Amino acid sequence: MPTDAKTGQSIFGHHASLYSRNRRPFGLTDNRVVPEKCSVTTVTTVAAGALVDNLSDSGDPEKNGYATGNARYLHLQIENDGTGDTLALWAYNYVFGSWAQLYLPHGSVLQLDSADGDASAGNTTNDRWVPALWTTINGKFMVTISIQGIDRIGFVDDGTLGNMVVRAATSTF
């Protein structure tokens, strides 16, 4: 039976005990020591406007963004010292062939005007989305973002990048 290279445990037995694909809540019971951690993926940020639409910059490959493998989620950890550094996420789909700033749902529900059923003033779809933008992080901040199969992700700074460190990974679940 195959074993996990990091834990030495049987892959099927070990993962089955984690209920990893279960839709129900489960207790977190696996607190074993992991002998070797994964290597950290620190990404390089670029200035606004530096992302290349034709993905052909071989001298500064970060200007091409990072391929996501059509993952569903982006796991992002930002570490900073509280200075005013800003990080924005930009998205690229091969079919469109260009970069655009990534927007995330705001969490509000679009309200309809009760009189005529139309969206009332100020309640447009645009009002329900906000730019994927982080600024003035103090310490470490981690978030998981639904990217729904975006082909590439770009990490854009505001040009004043000081001590900010950005780490990223993707997953399907």
N, C-alpha and C. Protein backbone atom coordinates (compact mmCIF):
# COMPACT_ATOMS: atom_id res chain seq x y z
N MET A 1 0.86 -1.18 0.00
CA MET A 1 0.00 0.00 0.00
C MET A 1 0.90 1.24 0.00
N PRO A 2 0.61 2.24 -0.82
CA PRO A 2 1.45 3.45 -0.88
C PRO A 2 1.43 4.21 0.44
N THR A 3 2.55 4.90 0.71
CA THR A 3 2.63 5.69 1.94
C THR A 3 2.87 7.15 1.62
N ASP A 4 2.44 8.01 2.51
CA ASP A 4 2.64 9.44 2.38
C ASP A 4 4.11 9.75 2.65
N ALA A 5 4.77 10.47 1.74
CA ALA A 5 6.20 10.75 1.86
C ALA A 5 6.51 11.60 3.08
N LYS A 6 5.60 12.41 3.52
CA LYS A 6 5.87 13.31 4.65
C LYS A 6 5.63 12.66 6.00
N THR A 7 4.59 11.81 6.10
CA THR A 7 4.24 11.23 7.40
C THR A 7 4.61 9.76 7.53
N GLY A 8 4.86 9.07 6.40
CA GLY A 8 5.16 7.65 6.44
C GLY A 8 3.92 6.79 6.67
N GLN A 9 2.75 7.40 6.74
CA GLN A 9 1.51 6.70 6.99
C GLN A 9 0.95 6.14 5.67
N SER A 10 0.16 5.10 5.80
CA SER A 10 -0.54 4.58 4.64
C SER A 10 -1.43 5.69 4.08
N ILE A 11 -1.37 5.92 2.77
CA ILE A 11 -2.14 7.01 2.17
C ILE A 11 -3.62 6.80 2.38
N PHE A 12 -4.10 5.60 2.10
CA PHE A 12 -5.53 5.38 2.18
C PHE A 12 -6.01 5.35 3.63
N GLY A 13 -5.30 4.67 4.49
CA GLY A 13 -5.69 4.60 5.89
C GLY A 13 -5.60 5.95 6.57
N HIS A 14 -4.53 6.68 6.32
CA HIS A 14 -4.33 7.99 6.94
C HIS A 14 -5.40 8.98 6.49
N HIS A 15 -5.64 9.06 5.19
CA HIS A 15 -6.62 10.02 4.69
C HIS A 15 -8.05 9.62 5.05
N ALA A 16 -8.32 8.34 5.13
CA ALA A 16 -9.65 7.90 5.51
C ALA A 16 -9.97 8.35 6.93
N SER A 17 -8.95 8.37 7.80
CA SER A 17 -9.19 8.78 9.18
C SER A 17 -9.46 10.28 9.29
N LEU A 18 -9.14 11.05 8.26
CA LEU A 18 -9.37 12.49 8.30
C LEU A 18 -10.75 12.88 7.76
N TYR A 19 -11.48 11.96 7.20
CA TYR A 19 -12.78 12.25 6.61
C TYR A 19 -12.68 13.42 5.63
N SER A 20 -11.64 13.45 4.83
CA SER A 20 -11.30 14.63 4.05
C SER A 20 -12.33 15.02 2.99
N ARG A 21 -13.15 14.12 2.53
CA ARG A 21 -14.14 14.49 1.52
C ARG A 21 -15.56 14.42 2.07
N ASN A 22 -15.68 14.41 3.35
CA ASN A 22 -16.98 14.34 3.98
C ASN A 22 -17.63 15.72 4.02
N ARG A 23 -18.92 15.79 3.81
CA ARG A 23 -19.64 17.06 3.86
C ARG A 23 -20.09 17.40 5.28
N ARG A 24 -20.02 16.44 6.20
CA ARG A 24 -20.42 16.69 7.58
C ARG A 24 -19.27 17.28 8.38
N PRO A 25 -19.56 18.01 9.43
CA PRO A 25 -18.49 18.45 10.33
C PRO A 25 -17.83 17.24 10.98
N PHE A 26 -16.56 17.32 11.25
CA PHE A 26 -15.86 16.24 11.93
C PHE A 26 -14.85 16.83 12.90
N GLY A 27 -14.53 16.05 13.90
CA GLY A 27 -13.57 16.50 14.91
C GLY A 27 -12.16 16.50 14.35
N LEU A 28 -11.36 17.48 14.75
CA LEU A 28 -9.97 17.56 14.32
C LEU A 28 -9.14 16.76 15.32
N THR A 29 -8.79 15.53 14.93
CA THR A 29 -8.10 14.63 15.85
C THR A 29 -6.67 14.31 15.43
N ASP A 30 -6.28 14.65 14.22
CA ASP A 30 -4.95 14.30 13.73
C ASP A 30 -3.97 15.41 14.09
N ASN A 31 -3.31 15.26 15.23
CA ASN A 31 -2.34 16.25 15.66
C ASN A 31 -0.92 15.69 15.70
N ARG A 32 -0.69 14.67 14.86
CA ARG A 32 0.65 14.07 14.81
C ARG A 32 1.68 15.06 14.29
N VAL A 33 2.90 14.86 14.68
CA VAL A 33 4.01 15.67 14.21
C VAL A 33 4.25 15.37 12.74
N VAL A 34 4.45 16.41 11.95
CA VAL A 34 4.80 16.24 10.53
C VAL A 34 6.31 16.43 10.45
N PRO A 35 7.04 15.39 10.08
CA PRO A 35 8.51 15.47 10.12
C PRO A 35 9.11 16.48 9.15
N GLU A 36 8.41 16.75 8.05
CA GLU A 36 8.95 17.68 7.06
C GLU A 36 7.82 18.53 6.50
N LYS A 37 7.93 19.84 6.68
CA LYS A 37 6.89 20.73 6.15
C LYS A 37 7.12 20.95 4.66
N CYS A 38 6.06 21.36 3.99
CA CYS A 38 6.17 21.73 2.58
C CYS A 38 7.04 22.98 2.47
N SER A 39 7.68 23.14 1.33
CA SER A 39 8.45 24.37 1.13
C SER A 39 7.48 25.52 0.90
N VAL A 40 7.83 26.67 1.42
CA VAL A 40 6.98 27.86 1.35
C VAL A 40 7.01 28.43 -0.05
N THR A 41 5.85 28.82 -0.56
CA THR A 41 5.76 29.47 -1.86
C THR A 41 5.55 30.96 -1.65
N THR A 42 6.65 31.71 -1.74
CA THR A 42 6.56 33.15 -1.65
C THR A 42 6.46 33.69 -3.06
N VAL A 43 5.48 34.54 -3.32
CA VAL A 43 5.28 35.07 -4.66
C VAL A 43 5.89 36.47 -4.76
N THR A 44 6.22 36.85 -5.97
CA THR A 44 6.77 38.17 -6.23
C THR A 44 5.66 39.08 -6.72
N THR A 45 5.56 40.25 -6.11
CA THR A 45 4.55 41.21 -6.55
C THR A 45 5.14 42.12 -7.62
N VAL A 46 4.27 42.72 -8.40
CA VAL A 46 4.69 43.65 -9.45
C VAL A 46 3.92 44.95 -9.29
N ALA A 47 4.42 45.99 -9.91
CA ALA A 47 3.73 47.28 -9.87
C ALA A 47 2.49 47.24 -10.76
N ALA A 48 1.53 48.06 -10.44
CA ALA A 48 0.31 48.15 -11.25
C ALA A 48 0.68 48.47 -12.69
N GLY A 49 0.05 47.81 -13.62
CA GLY A 49 0.31 48.04 -15.03
C GLY A 49 1.46 47.23 -15.59
N ALA A 50 2.16 46.47 -14.74
CA ALA A 50 3.32 45.70 -15.21
C ALA A 50 2.94 44.31 -15.70
N LEU A 51 1.74 43.84 -15.41
CA LEU A 51 1.32 42.51 -15.87
C LEU A 51 1.23 42.51 -17.39
N VAL A 52 1.73 41.45 -18.01
CA VAL A 52 1.84 41.38 -19.47
C VAL A 52 0.70 40.54 -20.03
N ASP A 53 -0.10 41.13 -20.92
CA ASP A 53 -1.25 40.42 -21.50
C ASP A 53 -0.85 39.21 -22.34
N ASN A 54 0.27 39.29 -23.06
CA ASN A 54 0.63 38.16 -23.92
C ASN A 54 1.46 37.10 -23.20
N LEU A 55 1.68 37.27 -21.89
CA LEU A 55 2.36 36.29 -21.04
C LEU A 55 3.73 35.90 -21.58
N SER A 56 4.45 36.84 -22.17
CA SER A 56 5.70 36.51 -22.85
C SER A 56 6.94 37.12 -22.20
N ASP A 57 6.83 37.65 -20.99
CA ASP A 57 7.99 38.29 -20.37
C ASP A 57 8.86 37.23 -19.71
N SER A 58 9.95 36.86 -20.37
CA SER A 58 10.84 35.84 -19.81
C SER A 58 11.89 36.45 -18.89
N GLY A 59 12.12 37.76 -18.99
CA GLY A 59 13.09 38.43 -18.12
C GLY A 59 12.57 38.63 -16.71
N ASP A 60 11.29 38.94 -16.58
CA ASP A 60 10.62 39.11 -15.29
C ASP A 60 9.37 38.25 -15.30
N PRO A 61 9.50 36.94 -15.08
CA PRO A 61 8.34 36.05 -15.23
C PRO A 61 7.16 36.38 -14.31
N GLU A 62 7.40 37.07 -13.18
CA GLU A 62 6.27 37.43 -12.32
C GLU A 62 5.31 38.38 -13.01
N LYS A 63 5.75 39.04 -14.08
CA LYS A 63 4.86 39.91 -14.86
C LYS A 63 3.85 39.10 -15.66
N ASN A 64 4.07 37.79 -15.75
CA ASN A 64 3.13 36.88 -16.41
C ASN A 64 2.11 36.33 -15.41
N GLY A 65 2.24 36.70 -14.14
CA GLY A 65 1.38 36.15 -13.10
C GLY A 65 1.75 34.71 -12.82
N TYR A 66 0.92 34.03 -12.07
CA TYR A 66 1.17 32.65 -11.67
C TYR A 66 0.02 31.77 -12.13
N ALA A 67 0.33 30.64 -12.77
CA ALA A 67 -0.69 29.70 -13.22
C ALA A 67 -1.35 29.05 -12.01
N THR A 68 -2.65 28.90 -12.06
CA THR A 68 -3.40 28.31 -10.94
C THR A 68 -3.80 26.87 -11.18
N GLY A 69 -3.65 26.38 -12.41
CA GLY A 69 -4.12 25.03 -12.72
C GLY A 69 -5.62 24.93 -12.62
N ASN A 70 -6.32 26.04 -12.83
CA ASN A 70 -7.77 26.11 -12.75
C ASN A 70 -8.31 25.69 -11.38
N ALA A 71 -7.57 26.00 -10.35
CA ALA A 71 -7.98 25.67 -8.98
C ALA A 71 -9.22 26.45 -8.59
N ARG A 72 -9.86 25.98 -7.56
CA ARG A 72 -11.05 26.67 -7.07
C ARG A 72 -10.72 27.71 -6.00
N TYR A 73 -9.71 27.44 -5.19
CA TYR A 73 -9.39 28.33 -4.08
C TYR A 73 -7.95 28.81 -4.13
N LEU A 74 -7.74 30.04 -3.72
CA LEU A 74 -6.42 30.62 -3.53
C LEU A 74 -6.25 30.83 -2.04
N HIS A 75 -5.22 30.22 -1.47
CA HIS A 75 -4.88 30.40 -0.05
C HIS A 75 -3.79 31.45 -0.01
N LEU A 76 -4.04 32.52 0.70
CA LEU A 76 -3.16 33.67 0.69
C LEU A 76 -2.76 34.03 2.12
N GLN A 77 -1.46 34.15 2.34
CA GLN A 77 -0.96 34.63 3.63
C GLN A 77 -0.12 35.87 3.38
N ILE A 78 -0.48 36.94 4.06
CA ILE A 78 0.25 38.20 3.93
C ILE A 78 0.89 38.50 5.27
N GLU A 79 2.17 38.81 5.25
CA GLU A 79 2.89 39.17 6.46
C GLU A 79 3.48 40.56 6.26
N ASN A 80 3.24 41.44 7.24
CA ASN A 80 3.73 42.81 7.11
C ASN A 80 3.93 43.42 8.49
N ASP A 81 4.52 44.59 8.52
CA ASP A 81 4.84 45.27 9.79
C ASP A 81 3.92 46.45 10.07
N GLY A 82 2.76 46.51 9.47
CA GLY A 82 1.81 47.57 9.73
C GLY A 82 2.00 48.82 8.89
N THR A 83 2.98 48.79 8.00
CA THR A 83 3.16 49.95 7.11
C THR A 83 2.07 49.96 6.07
N GLY A 84 1.93 51.03 5.33
CA GLY A 84 0.83 51.23 4.40
C GLY A 84 0.96 50.50 3.08
N ASP A 85 1.63 49.37 3.04
CA ASP A 85 1.75 48.62 1.79
C ASP A 85 0.39 48.09 1.37
N THR A 86 0.16 48.04 0.06
CA THR A 86 -1.12 47.57 -0.49
C THR A 86 -0.87 46.44 -1.47
N LEU A 87 -1.70 45.40 -1.39
CA LEU A 87 -1.65 44.28 -2.32
C LEU A 87 -3.01 44.13 -2.97
N ALA A 88 -3.02 44.02 -4.30
CA ALA A 88 -4.26 43.77 -5.05
C ALA A 88 -4.08 42.51 -5.87
N LEU A 89 -5.16 41.78 -6.08
CA LEU A 89 -5.12 40.58 -6.91
C LEU A 89 -5.72 40.89 -8.27
N TRP A 90 -5.04 40.42 -9.31
CA TRP A 90 -5.52 40.56 -10.68
C TRP A 90 -5.70 39.17 -11.28
N ALA A 91 -6.69 39.02 -12.13
CA ALA A 91 -7.03 37.72 -12.71
C ALA A 91 -6.84 37.73 -14.22
N TYR A 92 -6.48 36.56 -14.75
CA TYR A 92 -6.26 36.39 -16.19
C TYR A 92 -6.96 35.11 -16.63
N ASN A 93 -7.77 35.18 -17.65
CA ASN A 93 -8.36 34.00 -18.27
C ASN A 93 -7.82 33.92 -19.69
N TYR A 94 -7.37 32.75 -20.08
CA TYR A 94 -6.78 32.58 -21.41
C TYR A 94 -7.74 32.98 -22.52
N VAL A 95 -9.02 32.71 -22.34
CA VAL A 95 -9.99 33.02 -23.38
C VAL A 95 -10.15 34.53 -23.59
N PHE A 96 -9.96 35.35 -22.54
CA PHE A 96 -10.04 36.80 -22.69
C PHE A 96 -8.71 37.39 -23.12
N GLY A 97 -7.61 36.78 -22.74
CA GLY A 97 -6.28 37.24 -23.15
C GLY A 97 -5.84 38.55 -22.54
N SER A 98 -6.38 38.90 -21.37
CA SER A 98 -5.95 40.14 -20.72
C SER A 98 -6.19 40.05 -19.21
N TRP A 99 -5.53 40.94 -18.50
CA TRP A 99 -5.63 41.02 -17.06
C TRP A 99 -6.76 41.96 -16.65
N ALA A 100 -7.39 41.68 -15.51
CA ALA A 100 -8.39 42.57 -14.92
C ALA A 100 -8.31 42.42 -13.41
N GLN A 101 -8.59 43.50 -12.71
CA GLN A 101 -8.56 43.41 -11.25
C GLN A 101 -9.63 42.44 -10.78
N LEU A 102 -9.27 41.60 -9.82
CA LEU A 102 -10.20 40.62 -9.26
C LEU A 102 -11.10 41.30 -8.24
N TYR A 103 -12.38 41.02 -8.33
CA TYR A 103 -13.35 41.53 -7.37
C TYR A 103 -13.94 40.36 -6.60
N LEU A 104 -14.26 40.59 -5.33
CA LEU A 104 -14.84 39.56 -4.47
C LEU A 104 -16.23 39.99 -4.04
N PRO A 105 -17.13 39.02 -3.80
CA PRO A 105 -18.47 39.38 -3.36
C PRO A 105 -18.42 40.07 -2.00
N HIS A 106 -19.23 41.11 -1.86
CA HIS A 106 -19.27 41.91 -0.63
C HIS A 106 -20.06 41.22 0.46
N GLY A 107 -20.96 40.35 0.09
CA GLY A 107 -21.77 39.64 1.07
C GLY A 107 -23.15 40.22 1.26
N SER A 108 -23.48 41.31 0.59
CA SER A 108 -24.80 41.90 0.70
C SER A 108 -25.74 41.27 -0.32
N VAL A 109 -27.00 41.28 -0.01
CA VAL A 109 -28.00 40.75 -0.92
C VAL A 109 -28.60 41.92 -1.70
N LEU A 110 -28.76 41.76 -3.00
CA LEU A 110 -29.37 42.79 -3.83
C LEU A 110 -30.85 42.93 -3.44
N GLN A 111 -31.24 44.12 -3.00
CA GLN A 111 -32.62 44.37 -2.58
C GLN A 111 -33.44 44.87 -3.76
N LEU A 112 -34.62 44.37 -3.91
CA LEU A 112 -35.52 44.83 -4.97
C LEU A 112 -36.49 45.86 -4.41
N ASP A 113 -36.81 46.85 -5.21
CA ASP A 113 -37.80 47.85 -4.82
C ASP A 113 -39.15 47.13 -4.76
N SER A 114 -39.82 47.21 -3.64
CA SER A 114 -41.07 46.46 -3.45
C SER A 114 -42.19 46.95 -4.35
N ALA A 115 -42.13 48.20 -4.82
CA ALA A 115 -43.22 48.75 -5.63
C ALA A 115 -43.24 48.15 -7.03
N ASP A 116 -42.09 48.09 -7.70
CA ASP A 116 -42.11 47.63 -9.09
C ASP A 116 -41.19 46.44 -9.36
N GLY A 117 -40.51 45.94 -8.35
CA GLY A 117 -39.66 44.77 -8.53
C GLY A 117 -38.32 45.07 -9.15
N ASP A 118 -38.02 46.32 -9.48
CA ASP A 118 -36.73 46.68 -10.06
C ASP A 118 -35.70 46.91 -8.97
N ALA A 119 -34.45 46.77 -9.35
CA ALA A 119 -33.39 47.07 -8.39
C ALA A 119 -33.45 48.56 -8.09
N SER A 120 -33.47 48.88 -6.81
CA SER A 120 -33.56 50.29 -6.43
C SER A 120 -32.22 50.98 -6.61
N ALA A 121 -32.24 52.30 -6.66
CA ALA A 121 -31.03 53.09 -6.88
C ALA A 121 -29.99 52.75 -5.82
N GLY A 122 -28.76 52.59 -6.24
CA GLY A 122 -27.68 52.28 -5.31
C GLY A 122 -27.55 50.81 -4.99
N ASN A 123 -28.40 49.99 -5.53
CA ASN A 123 -28.33 48.55 -5.27
C ASN A 123 -28.03 47.79 -6.55
N THR A 124 -27.08 48.26 -7.32
CA THR A 124 -26.70 47.57 -8.54
C THR A 124 -25.75 46.42 -8.20
N THR A 125 -25.55 45.54 -9.15
CA THR A 125 -24.62 44.43 -8.95
C THR A 125 -23.23 44.95 -8.64
N ASN A 126 -22.84 46.06 -9.26
CA ASN A 126 -21.52 46.63 -8.99
C ASN A 126 -21.33 46.96 -7.52
N ASP A 127 -22.40 47.35 -6.83
CA ASP A 127 -22.30 47.70 -5.42
C ASP A 127 -22.06 46.49 -4.53
N ARG A 128 -22.21 45.30 -5.07
CA ARG A 128 -22.09 44.08 -4.28
C ARG A 128 -20.72 43.41 -4.42
N TRP A 129 -19.81 44.04 -5.13
CA TRP A 129 -18.47 43.48 -5.34
C TRP A 129 -17.43 44.51 -4.91
N VAL A 130 -16.37 44.04 -4.29
CA VAL A 130 -15.29 44.93 -3.85
C VAL A 130 -13.97 44.40 -4.41
N PRO A 131 -13.01 45.29 -4.67
CA PRO A 131 -11.71 44.84 -5.18
C PRO A 131 -11.02 43.92 -4.18
N ALA A 132 -10.33 42.92 -4.68
CA ALA A 132 -9.51 42.05 -3.84
C ALA A 132 -8.26 42.84 -3.49
N LEU A 133 -8.31 43.53 -2.36
CA LEU A 133 -7.29 44.51 -2.00
C LEU A 133 -7.05 44.46 -0.50
N TRP A 134 -5.77 44.40 -0.11
CA TRP A 134 -5.40 44.41 1.30
C TRP A 134 -4.37 45.49 1.52
N THR A 135 -4.50 46.19 2.64
CA THR A 135 -3.56 47.26 2.96
C THR A 135 -3.32 47.31 4.47
N THR A 136 -2.16 47.77 4.85
CA THR A 136 -1.76 47.99 6.23
C THR A 136 -2.02 46.77 7.12
N ILE A 137 -1.47 45.65 6.73
CA ILE A 137 -1.54 44.43 7.53
C ILE A 137 -0.45 44.53 8.60
N ASN A 138 -0.81 44.18 9.82
CA ASN A 138 0.17 44.16 10.90
C ASN A 138 0.25 42.73 11.43
N GLY A 139 1.36 42.05 11.22
CA GLY A 139 1.50 40.65 11.60
C GLY A 139 1.20 39.77 10.40
N LYS A 140 0.59 38.60 10.66
CA LYS A 140 0.24 37.67 9.58
C LYS A 140 -1.27 37.63 9.42
N PHE A 141 -1.71 37.57 8.18
CA PHE A 141 -3.13 37.54 7.84
C PHE A 141 -3.30 36.44 6.81
N MET A 142 -4.29 35.56 7.01
CA MET A 142 -4.51 34.49 6.04
C MET A 142 -5.97 34.46 5.64
N VAL A 143 -6.20 34.25 4.35
CA VAL A 143 -7.55 34.19 3.83
C VAL A 143 -7.58 33.16 2.69
N THR A 144 -8.72 32.51 2.53
CA THR A 144 -8.94 31.60 1.41
C THR A 144 -9.99 32.24 0.51
N ILE A 145 -9.64 32.40 -0.75
CA ILE A 145 -10.47 33.13 -1.71
C ILE A 145 -10.94 32.17 -2.79
N SER A 146 -12.21 32.22 -3.10
CA SER A 146 -12.74 31.42 -4.20
C SER A 146 -12.36 32.10 -5.52
N ILE A 147 -11.54 31.42 -6.33
CA ILE A 147 -11.13 31.99 -7.62
C ILE A 147 -11.80 31.29 -8.80
N GLN A 148 -12.57 30.26 -8.56
CA GLN A 148 -13.44 29.62 -9.55
C GLN A 148 -12.79 29.33 -10.90
N GLY A 149 -11.58 28.80 -10.90
CA GLY A 149 -10.96 28.37 -12.15
C GLY A 149 -10.26 29.44 -12.94
N ILE A 150 -9.97 30.59 -12.33
CA ILE A 150 -9.17 31.61 -13.03
C ILE A 150 -7.87 30.96 -13.49
N ASP A 151 -7.42 31.27 -14.70
CA ASP A 151 -6.23 30.62 -15.24
C ASP A 151 -4.93 31.10 -14.60
N ARG A 152 -4.80 32.40 -14.35
CA ARG A 152 -3.58 32.95 -13.76
C ARG A 152 -3.97 34.02 -12.75
N ILE A 153 -3.13 34.19 -11.74
CA ILE A 153 -3.36 35.21 -10.73
C ILE A 153 -2.12 36.09 -10.65
N GLY A 154 -2.34 37.40 -10.58
CA GLY A 154 -1.25 38.36 -10.47
C GLY A 154 -1.31 39.06 -9.13
N PHE A 155 -0.16 39.30 -8.54
CA PHE A 155 -0.05 39.96 -7.24
C PHE A 155 0.53 41.34 -7.48
N VAL A 156 -0.28 42.37 -7.28
CA VAL A 156 0.11 43.73 -7.65
C VAL A 156 0.26 44.58 -6.39
N ASP A 157 1.42 45.25 -6.27
CA ASP A 157 1.63 46.15 -5.15
C ASP A 157 1.44 47.59 -5.61
N ASP A 158 1.41 48.50 -4.66
CA ASP A 158 1.15 49.91 -4.98
C ASP A 158 2.43 50.69 -5.25
N GLY A 159 3.55 50.01 -5.35
CA GLY A 159 4.82 50.67 -5.63
C GLY A 159 5.59 51.07 -4.39
N THR A 160 4.99 50.89 -3.21
CA THR A 160 5.67 51.26 -1.97
C THR A 160 5.96 50.03 -1.13
N LEU A 161 6.09 48.89 -1.79
CA LEU A 161 6.27 47.63 -1.07
C LEU A 161 7.49 47.70 -0.17
N GLY A 162 7.25 47.57 1.12
CA GLY A 162 8.32 47.61 2.11
C GLY A 162 8.68 46.21 2.57
N ASN A 163 8.12 45.82 3.70
CA ASN A 163 8.45 44.53 4.30
C ASN A 163 7.38 43.48 4.07
N MET A 164 6.44 43.71 3.17
CA MET A 164 5.36 42.77 2.95
C MET A 164 5.88 41.49 2.30
N VAL A 165 5.46 40.35 2.86
CA VAL A 165 5.78 39.04 2.28
C VAL A 165 4.44 38.40 1.93
N VAL A 166 4.33 37.91 0.71
CA VAL A 166 3.08 37.28 0.24
C VAL A 166 3.36 35.83 -0.09
N ARG A 167 2.59 34.93 0.53
CA ARG A 167 2.70 33.50 0.26
C ARG A 167 1.37 33.04 -0.33
N ALA A 168 1.43 32.13 -1.29
CA ALA A 168 0.18 31.71 -1.94
C ALA A 168 0.24 30.24 -2.31
N ALA A 169 -0.92 29.61 -2.31
CA ALA A 169 -1.09 28.23 -2.74
C ALA A 169 -2.51 28.10 -3.28
N THR A 170 -2.77 27.06 -4.04
CA THR A 170 -4.11 26.82 -4.57
C THR A 170 -4.57 25.42 -4.20
N SER A 171 -5.89 25.23 -4.22
CA SER A 171 -6.46 23.90 -3.98
C SER A 171 -7.80 23.81 -4.68
N THR A 172 -8.26 22.57 -4.82
CA THR A 172 -9.56 22.33 -5.43
C THR A 172 -10.65 22.24 -4.37
N PHE A 173 -10.31 21.75 -3.21
CA PHE A 173 -11.28 21.64 -2.11
C PHE A 173 -10.88 22.57 -0.99
